Amino acid sequence: MGCGSLLGQTDYKAQREQMVKKQLQARDINDFATLSAMLNVPRHEFVLENLRIRAYSDGPLPIGNGQTISQPYIVAFMTQALHLKSDHRVLEIGTGSGYQAAVLAKIVDSVYTIEIVEDLATSAKKRLKDLGYPNVIVKFGDGYHGLPSKAPFDAIMVTAGADSIPQPLVDQLKVGGRMIIPIGPHHGIRQLVLITKKKNKVLTKSLMPVRFVPFTRNTKIKSY
């Protein structure tokens, strides 16, 4: 490996350290597992090559197919809100580039992630395999109905904005489990909502206003 490659790796590591310090710890991200995952997942590997210089900037970036990789702070905030543990099984709806799944995979036992855009599902699956995330299982399909064959889940994360909370996802959440999802009208500000499933009721709490790409449906492709 040449000196240039080593320097590049050092630069990215330093950028991650600054991202964690200035964008996360300086705000309200204090969960050790979340901070450690954000420090160790190479975000620059999950963005378009011509945008790698901005990989650790404080904002979302396009990843193609009309989709985006979320702002690092939002990734960390959503991850922290789920109160994840090392033995948890997590479902993600909206794989995108695979970055959020990789962050989750650093914390939990297994991550199942569904992507409705076939090109993104294919590239994310290869990327996650090449980067060494064997505990992430990528599925191409319509994520509205979740993944009943692997339910119940300790936590569910939805990384696309929905008009309302999909009941099939609530049904697949363990009692005591948490789900986080952006809810609200398309083309506008949505509320990031935390759902906690109790034995006899489901609690919801609005956490912050956010912007997310829409939760899209396609009944012609597979639902699991």
C-alpha atoms as a PDB file:
ATOM      1  CA  MET A   1       0.000   0.000   0.000  1.00  0.00           C
ATOM      2  CA  GLY A   2       1.429   3.382  -1.014  1.00  0.00           C
ATOM      3  CA  CYS A   3       1.887   6.429   1.148  1.00  0.00           C
ATOM      4  CA  GLY A   4      -0.974   8.167  -0.642  1.00  0.00           C
ATOM      5  CA  SER A   5      -3.408   5.450   0.412  1.00  0.00           C
ATOM      6  CA  LEU A   6      -2.250   5.628   4.006  1.00  0.00           C
ATOM      7  CA  LEU A   7      -2.595   9.395   4.018  1.00  0.00           C
ATOM      8  CA  GLY A   8      -6.111   9.125   2.596  1.00  0.00           C
ATOM      9  CA  GLN A   9      -7.129   6.707   5.322  1.00  0.00           C
ATOM     10  CA  THR A  10      -5.643   8.987   7.988  1.00  0.00           C
ATOM     11  CA  ASP A  11      -7.520  11.966   6.576  1.00  0.00           C
ATOM     12  CA  TYR A  12     -10.871  10.136   6.606  1.00  0.00           C
ATOM     13  CA  LYS A  13     -10.293   8.929  10.160  1.00  0.00           C
ATOM     14  CA  ALA A  14      -9.543  12.485  11.265  1.00  0.00           C
ATOM     15  CA  GLN A  15     -12.669  13.720   9.490  1.00  0.00           C
ATOM     16  CA  ARG A  16     -14.763  11.097  11.292  1.00  0.00           C
ATOM     17  CA  GLU A  17     -13.298  12.153  14.617  1.00  0.00           C
ATOM     18  CA  GLN A  18     -14.178  15.773  13.912  1.00  0.00           C
ATOM     19  CA  MET A  19     -17.674  14.771  12.764  1.00  0.00           C
ATOM     20  CA  VAL A  20     -18.294  12.889  16.013  1.00  0.00           C
ATOM     21  CA  LYS A  21     -16.876  15.677  18.175  1.00  0.00           C
ATOM     22  CA  LYS A  22     -18.417  18.720  16.492  1.00  0.00           C
ATOM     23  CA  GLN A  23     -21.639  17.387  14.965  1.00  0.00           C
ATOM     24  CA  LEU A  24     -22.665  14.735  17.488  1.00  0.00           C
ATOM     25  CA  GLN A  25     -21.095  15.159  20.935  1.00  0.00           C
ATOM     26  CA  ALA A  26     -21.494  18.935  20.752  1.00  0.00           C
ATOM     27  CA  ARG A  27     -25.236  18.405  20.364  1.00  0.00           C
ATOM     28  CA  ASP A  28     -27.167  15.757  22.266  1.00  0.00           C
ATOM     29  CA  ILE A  29     -25.611  12.483  21.126  1.00  0.00           C
ATOM     30  CA  ASN A  30     -24.088  10.831  24.184  1.00  0.00           C
ATOM     31  CA  ASP A  31     -24.795   7.114  23.748  1.00  0.00           C
ATOM     32  CA  PHE A  32     -21.416   5.370  23.684  1.00  0.00           C
ATOM     33  CA  ALA A  33     -22.440   2.621  21.247  1.00  0.00           C
ATOM     34  CA  THR A  34     -23.863   5.150  18.785  1.00  0.00           C
ATOM     35  CA  LEU A  35     -20.787   7.379  18.962  1.00  0.00           C
ATOM     36  CA  SER A  36     -18.466   4.391  18.555  1.00  0.00           C
ATOM     37  CA  ALA A  37     -20.381   3.157  15.501  1.00  0.00           C
ATOM     38  CA  MET A  38     -20.354   6.591  13.878  1.00  0.00           C
ATOM     39  CA  LEU A  39     -16.616   6.832  14.550  1.00  0.00           C
ATOM     40  CA  ASN A  40     -15.863   3.465  12.976  1.00  0.00           C
ATOM     41  CA  VAL A  41     -18.152   3.223   9.940  1.00  0.00           C
ATOM     42  CA  PRO A  42     -16.399   4.713   6.867  1.00  0.00           C
ATOM     43  CA  ARG A  43     -19.145   7.059   5.632  1.00  0.00           C
ATOM     44  CA  HIS A  44     -17.058   8.014   2.576  1.00  0.00           C
ATOM     45  CA  GLU A  45     -17.514   4.453   1.284  1.00  0.00           C
ATOM     46  CA  PHE A  46     -21.285   4.958   1.175  1.00  0.00           C
ATOM     47  CA  VAL A  47     -21.432   8.137  -0.926  1.00  0.00           C
ATOM     48  CA  LEU A  48     -20.828   8.780  -4.622  1.00  0.00           C
ATOM     49  CA  GLU A  49     -17.122   8.930  -5.415  1.00  0.00           C
ATOM     50  CA  ASN A  50     -17.272  12.536  -6.588  1.00  0.00           C
ATOM     51  CA  LEU A  51     -18.873  13.530  -3.255  1.00  0.00           C
ATOM     52  CA  ARG A  52     -16.404  11.800  -0.932  1.00  0.00           C
ATOM     53  CA  ILE A  53     -14.820  15.146  -0.113  1.00  0.00           C
ATOM     54  CA  ARG A  54     -18.164  16.042   1.522  1.00  0.00           C
ATOM     55  CA  ALA A  55     -18.794  12.667   3.149  1.00  0.00           C
ATOM     56  CA  TYR A  56     -18.351  13.985   6.686  1.00  0.00           C
ATOM     57  CA  SER A  57     -20.051  17.347   6.175  1.00  0.00           C
ATOM     58  CA  ASP A  58     -23.021  18.342   8.321  1.00  0.00           C
ATOM     59  CA  GLY A  59     -25.795  17.560   5.840  1.00  0.00           C
ATOM     60  CA  PRO A  60     -27.440  14.964   3.579  1.00  0.00           C
ATOM     61  CA  LEU A  61     -25.978  13.990   0.200  1.00  0.00           C
ATOM     62  CA  PRO A  62     -27.523  12.536  -2.974  1.00  0.00           C
ATOM     63  CA  ILE A  63     -26.786   8.855  -3.654  1.00  0.00           C
ATOM     64  CA  GLY A  64     -28.562   8.536  -6.992  1.00  0.00           C
ATOM     65  CA  ASN A  65     -32.047   7.339  -7.983  1.00  0.00           C
ATOM     66  CA  GLY A  66     -33.555  10.400  -6.311  1.00  0.00           C
ATOM     67  CA  GLN A  67     -32.461   9.206  -2.865  1.00  0.00           C
ATOM     68  CA  THR A  68     -30.143  10.620  -0.200  1.00  0.00           C
ATOM     69  CA  ILE A  69     -27.825   9.590   2.614  1.00  0.00           C
ATOM     70  CA  SER A  70     -29.029  11.332   5.750  1.00  0.00           C
ATOM     71  CA  GLN A  71     -27.150  14.001   7.667  1.00  0.00           C
ATOM     72  CA  PRO A  72     -24.764  12.320  10.168  1.00  0.00           C
ATOM     73  CA  TYR A  73     -26.556  13.928  13.110  1.00  0.00           C
ATOM     74  CA  ILE A  74     -29.916  12.490  12.015  1.00  0.00           C
ATOM     75  CA  VAL A  75     -28.372   9.029  11.593  1.00  0.00           C
ATOM     76  CA  ALA A  76     -26.940   9.237  15.109  1.00  0.00           C
ATOM     77  CA  PHE A  77     -30.099  10.746  16.617  1.00  0.00           C
ATOM     78  CA  MET A  78     -32.347   8.007  15.197  1.00  0.00           C
ATOM     79  CA  THR A  79     -29.902   5.304  16.249  1.00  0.00           C
ATOM     80  CA  GLN A  80     -29.608   6.626  19.805  1.00  0.00           C
ATOM     81  CA  ALA A  81     -33.386   6.953  20.166  1.00  0.00           C
ATOM     82  CA  LEU A  82     -33.894   3.211  19.692  1.00  0.00           C
ATOM     83  CA  HIS A  83     -31.924   2.300  22.865  1.00  0.00           C
ATOM     84  CA  LEU A  84     -30.204  -0.564  21.066  1.00  0.00           C
ATOM     85  CA  LYS A  85     -28.476  -3.511  22.737  1.00  0.00           C
ATOM     86  CA  SER A  86     -25.922  -5.997  21.459  1.00  0.00           C
ATOM     87  CA  ASP A  87     -28.415  -8.888  21.241  1.00  0.00           C
ATOM     88  CA  HIS A  88     -31.088  -6.937  19.335  1.00  0.00           C
ATOM     89  CA  ARG A  89     -32.540  -7.833  15.951  1.00  0.00           C
ATOM     90  CA  VAL A  90     -33.399  -4.702  13.959  1.00  0.00           C
ATOM     91  CA  LEU A  91     -35.490  -4.069  10.856  1.00  0.00           C
ATOM     92  CA  GLU A  92     -34.704  -1.091   8.643  1.00  0.00           C
ATOM     93  CA  ILE A  93     -37.011   0.137   5.889  1.00  0.00           C
ATOM     94  CA  GLY A  94     -35.098   2.111   3.262  1.00  0.00           C
ATOM     95  CA  THR A  95     -31.559   0.766   2.824  1.00  0.00           C
ATOM     96  CA  GLY A  96     -30.327   3.520   0.523  1.00  0.00           C
ATOM     97  CA  SER A  97     -26.551   3.294   0.317  1.00  0.00           C
ATOM     98  CA  GLY A  98     -26.416   0.974   3.335  1.00  0.00           C
ATOM     99  CA  TYR A  99     -24.772   3.479   5.693  1.00  0.00           C
ATOM    100  CA  GLN A 100     -27.462   3.483   8.371  1.00  0.00           C
ATOM    101  CA  ALA A 101     -27.579  -0.322   8.290  1.00  0.00           C
ATOM    102  CA  ALA A 102     -23.798  -0.423   8.786  1.00  0.00           C
ATOM    103  CA  VAL A 103     -24.062   1.887  11.801  1.00  0.00           C
ATOM    104  CA  LEU A 104     -26.783  -0.332  13.294  1.00  0.00           C
ATOM    105  CA  ALA A 105     -24.724  -3.450  12.540  1.00  0.00           C
ATOM    106  CA  LYS A 106     -21.868  -2.150  14.691  1.00  0.00           C
ATOM    107  CA  ILE A 107     -24.216  -2.137  17.682  1.00  0.00           C
ATOM    108  CA  VAL A 108     -26.705  -5.002  17.334  1.00  0.00           C
ATOM    109  CA  ASP A 109     -26.713  -8.718  16.573  1.00  0.00           C
ATOM    110  CA  SER A 110     -28.469  -8.568  13.207  1.00  0.00           C
ATOM    111  CA  VAL A 111     -29.967  -6.043  10.797  1.00  0.00           C
ATOM    112  CA  TYR A 112     -32.569  -6.811   8.151  1.00  0.00           C
ATOM    113  CA  THR A 113     -33.002  -3.988   5.677  1.00  0.00           C
ATOM    114  CA  ILE A 114     -35.457  -3.612   2.784  1.00  0.00           C
ATOM    115  CA  GLU A 115     -34.949  -1.316  -0.219  1.00  0.00           C
ATOM    116  CA  ILE A 116     -37.596  -0.623  -2.870  1.00  0.00           C
ATOM    117  CA  VAL A 117     -35.142   0.696  -5.514  1.00  0.00           C
ATOM    118  CA  GLU A 118     -33.511  -2.379  -7.040  1.00  0.00           C
ATOM    119  CA  ASP A 119     -30.293  -0.643  -8.129  1.00  0.00           C
ATOM    120  CA  LEU A 120     -29.740   0.667  -4.600  1.00  0.00           C
ATOM    121  CA  ALA A 121     -30.539  -2.703  -3.019  1.00  0.00           C
ATOM    122  CA  THR A 122     -28.048  -4.444  -5.295  1.00  0.00           C
ATOM    123  CA  SER A 123     -25.249  -1.930  -4.752  1.00  0.00           C
ATOM    124  CA  ALA A 124     -25.830  -1.718  -0.991  1.00  0.00           C
ATOM    125  CA  LYS A 125     -25.740  -5.504  -0.669  1.00  0.00           C
ATOM    126  CA  LYS A 126     -22.389  -5.687  -2.478  1.00  0.00           C
ATOM    127  CA  ARG A 127     -20.969  -2.688  -0.603  1.00  0.00           C
ATOM    128  CA  LEU A 128     -21.889  -4.068   2.820  1.00  0.00           C
ATOM    129  CA  LYS A 129     -20.457  -7.473   1.934  1.00  0.00           C
ATOM    130  CA  ASP A 130     -17.214  -5.978   0.598  1.00  0.00           C
ATOM    131  CA  LEU A 131     -16.795  -3.771   3.677  1.00  0.00           C
ATOM    132  CA  GLY A 132     -17.358  -6.660   6.065  1.00  0.00           C
ATOM    133  CA  TYR A 133     -20.855  -6.420   7.551  1.00  0.00           C
ATOM    134  CA  PRO A 134     -22.001 -10.081   7.573  1.00  0.00           C
ATOM    135  CA  ASN A 135     -24.804  -9.360  10.042  1.00  0.00           C
ATOM    136  CA  VAL A 136     -26.687  -7.144   7.563  1.00  0.00           C
ATOM    137  CA  ILE A 137     -29.211  -8.884   5.298  1.00  0.00           C
ATOM    138  CA  VAL A 138     -30.393  -6.717   2.396  1.00  0.00           C
ATOM    139  CA  LYS A 139     -33.741  -7.436   0.721  1.00  0.00           C
ATOM    140  CA  PHE A 140     -35.150  -5.874  -2.442  1.00  0.00           C
ATOM    141  CA  GLY A 141     -38.868  -5.248  -2.091  1.00  0.00           C
ATOM    142  CA  ASP A 142     -41.755  -3.169  -0.822  1.00  0.00           C
ATOM    143  CA  GLY A 143     -41.059  -2.606   2.865  1.00  0.00           C
ATOM    144  CA  TYR A 144     -44.559  -1.537   3.922  1.00  0.00           C
ATOM    145  CA  HIS A 145     -45.366  -5.031   5.209  1.00  0.00           C
ATOM    146  CA  GLY A 146     -41.992  -5.473   6.859  1.00  0.00           C
ATOM    147  CA  LEU A 147     -40.435  -8.915   7.181  1.00  0.00           C
ATOM    148  CA  PRO A 148     -42.898 -11.218   8.993  1.00  0.00           C
ATOM    149  CA  SER A 149     -40.645 -14.279   8.667  1.00  0.00           C
ATOM    150  CA  LYS A 150     -38.022 -12.653  10.922  1.00  0.00           C
ATOM    151  CA  ALA A 151     -40.402 -10.877  13.311  1.00  0.00           C
ATOM    152  CA  PRO A 152     -40.694  -9.858  16.050  1.00  0.00           C
ATOM    153  CA  PHE A 153     -38.008  -7.175  16.059  1.00  0.00           C
ATOM    154  CA  ASP A 154     -36.487  -5.398  19.042  1.00  0.00           C
ATOM    155  CA  ALA A 155     -36.385  -2.186  17.027  1.00  0.00           C
ATOM    156  CA  ILE A 156     -37.527  -0.869  13.658  1.00  0.00           C
ATOM    157  CA  MET A 157     -36.137   2.156  11.824  1.00  0.00           C
ATOM    158  CA  VAL A 158     -37.862   3.723   8.840  1.00  0.00           C
ATOM    159  CA  THR A 159     -35.647   6.073   6.839  1.00  0.00           C
ATOM    160  CA  ALA A 160     -38.346   7.449   4.537  1.00  0.00           C
ATOM    161  CA  GLY A 161     -41.257   9.758   5.302  1.00  0.00           C
ATOM    162  CA  ALA A 162     -44.712   8.171   5.523  1.00  0.00           C
ATOM    163  CA  ASP A 163     -48.175   9.731   5.662  1.00  0.00           C
ATOM    164  CA  SER A 164     -49.071   7.489   8.591  1.00  0.00           C
ATOM    165  CA  ILE A 165     -47.596   4.699  10.699  1.00  0.00           C
ATOM    166  CA  PRO A 166     -47.691   1.349   8.817  1.00  0.00           C
ATOM    167  CA  GLN A 167     -49.637  -1.051  11.020  1.00  0.00           C
ATOM    168  CA  PRO A 168     -47.736  -4.150   9.773  1.00  0.00           C
ATOM    169  CA  LEU A 169     -44.541  -2.667  11.194  1.00  0.00           C
ATOM    170  CA  VAL A 170     -46.148  -1.996  14.564  1.00  0.00           C
ATOM    171  CA  ASP A 171     -47.394  -5.601  14.570  1.00  0.00           C
ATOM    172  CA  GLN A 172     -43.845  -6.874  14.000  1.00  0.00           C
ATOM    173  CA  LEU A 173     -42.390  -4.940  16.922  1.00  0.00           C
ATOM    174  CA  LYS A 174     -41.716  -6.795  20.162  1.00  0.00           C
ATOM    175  CA  VAL A 175     -43.525  -5.725  23.294  1.00  0.00           C
ATOM    176  CA  GLY A 176     -41.158  -3.178  24.801  1.00  0.00           C
ATOM    177  CA  GLY A 177     -39.637  -2.504  21.398  1.00  0.00           C
ATOM    178  CA  ARG A 178     -39.183   0.870  19.721  1.00  0.00           C
ATOM    179  CA  MET A 179     -39.732   2.157  16.221  1.00  0.00           C
ATOM    180  CA  ILE A 180     -38.661   5.498  14.780  1.00  0.00           C
ATOM    181  CA  ILE A 181     -40.248   6.908  11.627  1.00  0.00           C
ATOM    182  CA  PRO A 182     -40.756  10.304   9.928  1.00  0.00           C
ATOM    183  CA  ILE A 183     -44.494  11.027   9.650  1.00  0.00           C
ATOM    184  CA  GLY A 184     -46.264  13.804   7.779  1.00  0.00           C
ATOM    185  CA  PRO A 185     -47.387  15.073   4.375  1.00  0.00           C
ATOM    186  CA  HIS A 186     -45.167  14.641   1.331  1.00  0.00           C
ATOM    187  CA  HIS A 187     -43.223  17.706   0.107  1.00  0.00           C
ATOM    188  CA  GLY A 188     -43.205  19.228   3.559  1.00  0.00           C
ATOM    189  CA  ILE A 189     -41.753  19.087   7.050  1.00  0.00           C
ATOM    190  CA  ARG A 190     -42.452  15.798   8.805  1.00  0.00           C
ATOM    191  CA  GLN A 191     -42.256  14.859  12.462  1.00  0.00           C
ATOM    192  CA  LEU A 192     -39.761  12.243  13.557  1.00  0.00           C
ATOM    193  CA  VAL A 193     -41.942   9.996  15.700  1.00  0.00           C
ATOM    194  CA  LEU A 194     -40.807   7.469  18.300  1.00  0.00           C
ATOM    195  CA  ILE A 195     -43.187   4.566  18.859  1.00  0.00           C
ATOM    196  CA  THR A 196     -42.931   2.377  21.955  1.00  0.00           C
ATOM    197  CA  LYS A 197     -44.970  -0.815  22.031  1.00  0.00           C
ATOM    198  CA  LYS A 198     -46.413  -1.701  25.416  1.00  0.00           C
ATOM    199  CA  LYS A 199     -48.383  -4.805  26.303  1.00  0.00           C
ATOM    200  CA  ASN A 200     -51.802  -3.200  25.887  1.00  0.00           C
ATOM    201  CA  LYS A 201     -51.066   0.037  24.050  1.00  0.00           C
ATOM    202  CA  VAL A 202     -48.766   1.820  21.625  1.00  0.00           C
ATOM    203  CA  LEU A 203     -47.197   5.111  22.714  1.00  0.00           C
ATOM    204  CA  THR A 204     -46.096   7.775  20.247  1.00  0.00           C
ATOM    205  CA  LYS A 205     -43.877  10.786  20.814  1.00  0.00           C
ATOM    206  CA  SER A 206     -42.856  13.500  18.352  1.00  0.00           C
ATOM    207  CA  LEU A 207     -39.136  14.185  18.606  1.00  0.00           C
ATOM    208  CA  MET A 208     -38.241  16.833  16.009  1.00  0.00           C
ATOM    209  CA  PRO A 209     -39.177  18.246  12.600  1.00  0.00           C
ATOM    210  CA  VAL A 210     -37.286  16.604   9.718  1.00  0.00           C
ATOM    211  CA  ARG A 211     -37.152  16.314   5.945  1.00  0.00           C
ATOM    212  CA  PHE A 212     -36.996  12.858   4.374  1.00  0.00           C
ATOM    213  CA  VAL A 213     -37.550  11.355   0.945  1.00  0.00           C
ATOM    214  CA  PRO A 214     -41.054   9.814   0.693  1.00  0.00           C
ATOM    215  CA  PHE A 215     -41.924   6.269   1.696  1.00  0.00           C
ATOM    216  CA  THR A 216     -42.772   4.787  -1.694  1.00  0.00           C
ATOM    217  CA  ARG A 217     -44.892   1.731  -2.469  1.00  0.00           C
ATOM    218  CA  ASN A 218     -44.849  -0.681  -5.382  1.00  0.00           C
ATOM    219  CA  THR A 219     -47.322  -3.526  -5.061  1.00  0.00           C
ATOM    220  CA  LYS A 220     -45.893  -5.142  -8.216  1.00  0.00           C
ATOM    221  CA  ILE A 221     -42.683  -6.100  -6.447  1.00  0.00           C
ATOM    222  CA  LYS A 222     -42.282  -8.500  -3.584  1.00  0.00           C
ATOM    223  CA  SER A 223     -43.478  -7.842  -0.078  1.00  0.00           C
ATOM    224  CA  TYR A 224     -42.052 -10.210   2.534  1.00  0.00           C
END
